N, C-alpha and C. Protein backbone atom coordinates (compact mmCIF):
# COMPACT_ATOMS: atom_id res chain seq x y z
N UNK A 1 -111.45 -40.54 98.04
CA UNK A 1 -112.33 -39.41 98.29
C UNK A 1 -113.16 -39.14 97.04
N UNK A 2 -114.43 -38.93 97.23
CA UNK A 2 -115.34 -38.71 96.12
C UNK A 2 -115.29 -37.25 95.68
N UNK A 3 -115.09 -37.02 94.38
CA UNK A 3 -115.08 -35.65 93.91
C UNK A 3 -116.48 -35.24 93.52
N UNK A 4 -116.80 -33.98 93.77
CA UNK A 4 -118.14 -33.51 93.43
C UNK A 4 -118.14 -32.94 92.02
N UNK A 5 -119.29 -32.98 91.41
CA UNK A 5 -119.46 -32.43 90.07
C UNK A 5 -120.00 -31.02 90.24
N UNK A 6 -119.27 -30.06 89.71
CA UNK A 6 -119.73 -28.68 89.78
C UNK A 6 -120.75 -28.44 88.69
N UNK A 7 -121.79 -27.69 89.02
CA UNK A 7 -122.79 -27.32 88.05
C UNK A 7 -122.70 -25.82 87.83
N UNK A 8 -122.40 -25.43 86.61
CA UNK A 8 -122.34 -24.02 86.26
C UNK A 8 -123.68 -23.62 85.64
N UNK A 9 -124.12 -22.40 85.88
CA UNK A 9 -125.38 -21.97 85.24
C UNK A 9 -125.36 -22.14 83.73
N UNK A 10 -124.22 -21.91 83.12
CA UNK A 10 -124.12 -22.00 81.66
C UNK A 10 -124.18 -23.43 81.14
N UNK A 11 -123.95 -24.42 82.00
CA UNK A 11 -123.97 -25.82 81.56
C UNK A 11 -125.06 -26.64 82.25
N UNK A 12 -125.96 -25.99 82.97
CA UNK A 12 -127.00 -26.72 83.70
C UNK A 12 -127.80 -27.64 82.79
N UNK A 13 -128.07 -27.22 81.56
CA UNK A 13 -128.91 -28.05 80.68
C UNK A 13 -128.25 -29.36 80.30
N UNK A 14 -126.96 -29.51 80.54
CA UNK A 14 -126.26 -30.75 80.23
C UNK A 14 -126.10 -31.67 81.44
N UNK A 15 -126.56 -31.24 82.59
CA UNK A 15 -126.39 -32.01 83.83
C UNK A 15 -127.64 -32.80 84.19
N UNK A 16 -127.47 -33.71 85.10
CA UNK A 16 -128.57 -34.46 85.69
C UNK A 16 -129.45 -33.47 86.45
N UNK A 17 -130.75 -33.50 86.20
CA UNK A 17 -131.67 -32.57 86.86
C UNK A 17 -132.37 -33.19 88.06
N UNK A 18 -132.37 -34.52 88.12
CA UNK A 18 -133.06 -35.20 89.21
C UNK A 18 -132.40 -34.81 90.53
N UNK A 19 -133.23 -34.41 91.47
CA UNK A 19 -132.76 -33.99 92.78
C UNK A 19 -132.72 -32.49 92.96
N UNK A 20 -132.75 -31.74 91.86
CA UNK A 20 -132.72 -30.28 91.98
C UNK A 20 -134.10 -29.73 92.30
N UNK A 21 -134.10 -28.64 93.07
CA UNK A 21 -135.35 -27.94 93.34
C UNK A 21 -135.70 -27.08 92.14
N UNK A 22 -137.01 -26.97 91.87
CA UNK A 22 -137.47 -26.32 90.66
C UNK A 22 -138.76 -25.56 90.93
N UNK A 23 -138.98 -24.52 90.13
CA UNK A 23 -140.26 -23.81 90.13
C UNK A 23 -140.64 -23.60 88.67
N UNK A 24 -141.90 -23.83 88.35
CA UNK A 24 -142.42 -23.55 87.01
C UNK A 24 -142.79 -22.08 87.00
N UNK A 25 -142.10 -21.28 86.19
CA UNK A 25 -142.39 -19.85 86.19
C UNK A 25 -143.24 -19.43 84.99
N UNK A 26 -143.36 -20.32 84.00
CA UNK A 26 -144.26 -20.06 82.88
C UNK A 26 -144.62 -21.38 82.24
N UNK A 27 -145.89 -21.50 81.86
CA UNK A 27 -146.36 -22.71 81.18
C UNK A 27 -147.55 -22.33 80.31
N UNK A 28 -147.77 -23.07 79.23
CA UNK A 28 -148.96 -22.83 78.42
C UNK A 28 -150.21 -23.22 79.19
N UNK A 29 -150.05 -24.06 80.20
CA UNK A 29 -151.16 -24.43 81.09
C UNK A 29 -151.02 -23.56 82.35
N UNK A 30 -151.85 -22.54 82.50
CA UNK A 30 -151.73 -21.63 83.65
C UNK A 30 -151.80 -22.34 85.00
N UNK A 31 -152.44 -23.49 85.08
CA UNK A 31 -152.54 -24.22 86.35
C UNK A 31 -151.19 -24.74 86.81
N UNK A 32 -150.22 -24.87 85.91
CA UNK A 32 -148.90 -25.38 86.26
C UNK A 32 -147.94 -24.28 86.71
N UNK A 33 -148.23 -23.04 86.34
CA UNK A 33 -147.37 -21.92 86.70
C UNK A 33 -147.35 -21.75 88.21
N UNK A 34 -146.15 -21.64 88.76
CA UNK A 34 -145.99 -21.45 90.20
C UNK A 34 -145.72 -22.72 90.97
N UNK A 35 -145.84 -23.87 90.33
CA UNK A 35 -145.58 -25.14 91.02
C UNK A 35 -144.11 -25.19 91.44
N UNK A 36 -143.88 -25.63 92.66
CA UNK A 36 -142.52 -25.79 93.20
C UNK A 36 -142.36 -27.20 93.70
N UNK A 37 -141.12 -27.66 93.67
CA UNK A 37 -140.83 -28.98 94.21
C UNK A 37 -139.45 -29.44 93.82
N UNK A 38 -139.27 -30.75 93.79
CA UNK A 38 -137.98 -31.36 93.46
C UNK A 38 -138.19 -32.28 92.27
N UNK A 39 -137.25 -32.22 91.32
CA UNK A 39 -137.32 -33.10 90.15
C UNK A 39 -137.02 -34.53 90.62
N UNK A 40 -137.95 -35.45 90.36
CA UNK A 40 -137.74 -36.83 90.78
C UNK A 40 -137.61 -37.78 89.60
N UNK A 41 -137.95 -37.31 88.39
CA UNK A 41 -137.79 -38.12 87.19
C UNK A 41 -137.84 -37.21 85.99
N UNK A 42 -137.35 -37.74 84.87
CA UNK A 42 -137.31 -36.95 83.65
C UNK A 42 -137.44 -37.89 82.46
N UNK A 43 -138.23 -37.46 81.49
CA UNK A 43 -138.32 -38.16 80.22
C UNK A 43 -137.95 -37.17 79.12
N UNK A 44 -138.02 -37.60 77.89
CA UNK A 44 -137.68 -36.72 76.77
C UNK A 44 -138.52 -35.45 76.79
N UNK A 45 -139.80 -35.56 77.12
CA UNK A 45 -140.71 -34.43 77.01
C UNK A 45 -141.26 -33.91 78.34
N UNK A 46 -140.97 -34.58 79.44
CA UNK A 46 -141.58 -34.22 80.72
C UNK A 46 -140.56 -34.18 81.85
N UNK A 47 -140.87 -33.33 82.83
CA UNK A 47 -140.19 -33.37 84.12
C UNK A 47 -141.23 -33.82 85.14
N UNK A 48 -140.87 -34.75 85.99
CA UNK A 48 -141.77 -35.18 87.05
C UNK A 48 -141.29 -34.52 88.33
N UNK A 49 -142.17 -33.74 88.92
CA UNK A 49 -141.85 -32.95 90.11
C UNK A 49 -142.66 -33.46 91.28
N UNK A 50 -141.99 -33.63 92.42
CA UNK A 50 -142.70 -33.95 93.65
C UNK A 50 -142.85 -32.64 94.42
N UNK A 51 -144.09 -32.24 94.66
CA UNK A 51 -144.31 -30.97 95.36
C UNK A 51 -144.22 -31.16 96.87
N UNK A 52 -144.47 -30.11 97.61
CA UNK A 52 -144.33 -30.15 99.07
C UNK A 52 -145.32 -31.10 99.73
N UNK A 53 -146.40 -31.44 99.04
CA UNK A 53 -147.39 -32.36 99.59
C UNK A 53 -147.12 -33.79 99.14
N UNK A 54 -145.92 -34.05 98.64
CA UNK A 54 -145.49 -35.37 98.15
C UNK A 54 -146.35 -35.87 96.99
N UNK A 55 -146.88 -34.95 96.23
CA UNK A 55 -147.68 -35.30 95.06
C UNK A 55 -146.80 -35.19 93.82
N UNK A 56 -146.86 -36.20 92.94
CA UNK A 56 -146.08 -36.19 91.72
C UNK A 56 -146.86 -35.49 90.62
N UNK A 57 -146.20 -34.52 89.98
CA UNK A 57 -146.82 -33.76 88.91
C UNK A 57 -145.94 -33.85 87.67
N UNK A 58 -146.55 -34.12 86.53
CA UNK A 58 -145.82 -34.20 85.27
C UNK A 58 -145.96 -32.86 84.55
N UNK A 59 -144.82 -32.26 84.28
CA UNK A 59 -144.79 -30.94 83.66
C UNK A 59 -144.14 -31.07 82.29
N UNK A 60 -144.82 -30.65 81.22
CA UNK A 60 -144.20 -30.71 79.90
C UNK A 60 -143.05 -29.71 79.80
N UNK A 61 -141.97 -30.14 79.17
CA UNK A 61 -140.82 -29.25 78.99
C UNK A 61 -141.12 -28.19 77.93
N UNK A 62 -141.76 -28.62 76.84
CA UNK A 62 -142.03 -27.70 75.73
C UNK A 62 -142.88 -26.52 76.18
N UNK A 63 -142.47 -25.35 75.74
CA UNK A 63 -143.22 -24.12 76.00
C UNK A 63 -143.41 -23.81 77.48
N UNK A 64 -142.47 -24.27 78.30
CA UNK A 64 -142.47 -23.94 79.73
C UNK A 64 -141.15 -23.26 80.06
N UNK A 65 -141.13 -22.59 81.17
CA UNK A 65 -139.91 -21.95 81.66
C UNK A 65 -139.76 -22.33 83.12
N UNK A 66 -138.53 -22.69 83.51
CA UNK A 66 -138.28 -23.21 84.84
C UNK A 66 -137.21 -22.39 85.55
N UNK A 67 -137.29 -22.35 86.86
CA UNK A 67 -136.26 -21.75 87.70
C UNK A 67 -135.69 -22.87 88.56
N UNK A 68 -134.41 -23.19 88.33
CA UNK A 68 -133.73 -24.25 89.08
C UNK A 68 -132.87 -23.63 90.17
N UNK A 69 -132.79 -24.31 91.30
CA UNK A 69 -131.90 -23.89 92.38
C UNK A 69 -130.72 -24.84 92.40
N UNK A 70 -129.52 -24.27 92.22
CA UNK A 70 -128.29 -25.05 92.32
C UNK A 70 -127.73 -24.80 93.72
N UNK A 71 -127.70 -25.83 94.56
CA UNK A 71 -127.18 -25.64 95.93
C UNK A 71 -125.72 -25.16 95.89
N UNK A 72 -125.35 -24.37 96.87
CA UNK A 72 -124.00 -23.81 96.93
C UNK A 72 -122.93 -24.89 96.84
N UNK A 73 -123.18 -26.06 97.46
CA UNK A 73 -122.15 -27.11 97.45
C UNK A 73 -121.94 -27.71 96.06
N UNK A 74 -122.88 -27.49 95.13
CA UNK A 74 -122.71 -27.98 93.76
C UNK A 74 -122.35 -26.87 92.79
N UNK A 75 -122.39 -25.61 93.27
CA UNK A 75 -122.09 -24.46 92.43
C UNK A 75 -120.60 -24.31 92.21
N UNK A 76 -120.27 -23.25 91.51
CA UNK A 76 -118.86 -22.95 91.24
C UNK A 76 -118.07 -22.84 92.55
N UNK A 77 -116.78 -23.15 92.47
CA UNK A 77 -115.92 -23.08 93.65
C UNK A 77 -115.98 -21.68 94.25
N UNK A 78 -116.05 -21.63 95.56
CA UNK A 78 -116.05 -20.36 96.25
C UNK A 78 -117.43 -19.76 96.46
N UNK A 79 -118.47 -20.32 95.86
CA UNK A 79 -119.82 -19.80 96.05
C UNK A 79 -120.30 -20.16 97.44
N UNK A 80 -120.87 -19.20 98.12
CA UNK A 80 -121.36 -19.45 99.47
C UNK A 80 -122.88 -19.45 99.55
N UNK A 81 -123.51 -19.14 98.43
CA UNK A 81 -124.97 -19.15 98.43
C UNK A 81 -125.48 -19.91 97.21
N UNK A 82 -126.73 -20.30 97.28
CA UNK A 82 -127.34 -21.03 96.18
C UNK A 82 -127.42 -20.14 94.94
N UNK A 83 -127.45 -20.77 93.79
CA UNK A 83 -127.59 -20.07 92.52
C UNK A 83 -128.92 -20.45 91.91
N UNK A 84 -129.61 -19.48 91.35
CA UNK A 84 -130.88 -19.73 90.69
C UNK A 84 -130.71 -19.49 89.20
N UNK A 85 -131.18 -20.45 88.40
CA UNK A 85 -130.99 -20.39 86.95
C UNK A 85 -132.32 -20.58 86.25
N UNK A 86 -132.64 -19.64 85.36
CA UNK A 86 -133.86 -19.71 84.57
C UNK A 86 -133.53 -20.44 83.26
N UNK A 87 -134.33 -21.47 82.94
CA UNK A 87 -134.09 -22.30 81.75
C UNK A 87 -135.39 -22.42 80.95
N UNK A 88 -135.29 -22.20 79.65
CA UNK A 88 -136.41 -22.46 78.76
C UNK A 88 -136.54 -23.96 78.58
N UNK A 89 -137.72 -24.50 78.81
CA UNK A 89 -137.94 -25.94 78.72
C UNK A 89 -137.58 -26.53 77.37
N UNK A 90 -137.72 -25.75 76.31
CA UNK A 90 -137.39 -26.26 74.98
C UNK A 90 -135.92 -26.66 74.87
N UNK A 91 -135.05 -26.07 75.68
CA UNK A 91 -133.63 -26.42 75.68
C UNK A 91 -133.39 -27.79 76.32
N UNK A 92 -134.37 -28.28 77.05
CA UNK A 92 -134.23 -29.57 77.74
C UNK A 92 -134.88 -30.72 76.95
N UNK A 93 -135.49 -30.41 75.82
CA UNK A 93 -136.19 -31.44 75.03
C UNK A 93 -135.19 -32.40 74.41
N UNK A 94 -134.98 -33.48 75.08
CA UNK A 94 -134.06 -34.53 74.65
C UNK A 94 -134.15 -35.64 75.68
N UNK A 95 -133.76 -36.82 75.28
CA UNK A 95 -133.66 -37.87 76.28
C UNK A 95 -132.55 -37.47 77.23
N UNK A 96 -132.78 -37.57 78.52
CA UNK A 96 -131.79 -37.08 79.50
C UNK A 96 -130.40 -37.66 79.28
N UNK A 97 -130.32 -38.95 78.99
CA UNK A 97 -129.00 -39.56 78.81
C UNK A 97 -128.26 -38.99 77.62
N UNK A 98 -128.97 -38.59 76.58
CA UNK A 98 -128.32 -37.99 75.41
C UNK A 98 -127.90 -36.55 75.70
N UNK A 99 -128.73 -35.82 76.43
CA UNK A 99 -128.40 -34.44 76.79
C UNK A 99 -127.16 -34.41 77.69
N UNK A 100 -127.07 -35.35 78.62
CA UNK A 100 -125.95 -35.39 79.57
C UNK A 100 -124.64 -35.74 78.86
N UNK A 101 -124.70 -36.57 77.83
CA UNK A 101 -123.50 -36.93 77.07
C UNK A 101 -122.84 -35.71 76.45
N UNK A 102 -123.63 -34.69 76.12
CA UNK A 102 -123.10 -33.51 75.46
C UNK A 102 -122.14 -32.71 76.33
N UNK A 103 -122.23 -32.81 77.64
CA UNK A 103 -121.30 -32.09 78.51
C UNK A 103 -119.88 -32.61 78.32
N UNK A 104 -119.75 -33.90 78.05
CA UNK A 104 -118.42 -34.46 77.81
C UNK A 104 -117.82 -33.86 76.55
N UNK A 105 -118.64 -33.66 75.53
CA UNK A 105 -118.16 -33.04 74.29
C UNK A 105 -117.71 -31.61 74.54
N UNK A 106 -118.49 -30.87 75.34
CA UNK A 106 -118.13 -29.49 75.65
C UNK A 106 -116.80 -29.44 76.39
N UNK A 107 -116.60 -30.31 77.35
CA UNK A 107 -115.35 -30.31 78.13
C UNK A 107 -114.16 -30.70 77.27
N UNK A 108 -114.38 -31.63 76.34
CA UNK A 108 -113.30 -32.11 75.49
C UNK A 108 -112.84 -31.00 74.53
N UNK A 109 -113.80 -30.27 73.96
CA UNK A 109 -113.46 -29.28 72.94
C UNK A 109 -113.45 -27.85 73.46
N UNK A 110 -114.01 -27.62 74.68
CA UNK A 110 -114.13 -26.24 75.17
C UNK A 110 -112.97 -25.76 75.96
């Protein structure tokens, strides 16, 4: 049986973001504010979002603020509704594989 990985709001920045729904709630580029979609790729400095029209948009992490939706099935045990988490993009500035490795350190020492 496959075990699911729980995503806590406090540790979201250490998890895989691809597949999560997202909204840009603040950006230095006003044209990007309000964009909604699903994260389909990530680099050190960018999130690639597919919007509702299946258009891929590259959003810089730096100086942006995002609202992520964590589905109830990935949230803490016992949660029956989705969780929304606001994240400053500067906290995500890292190669995804390096950022994800840090969750193992937190679990080992926390």
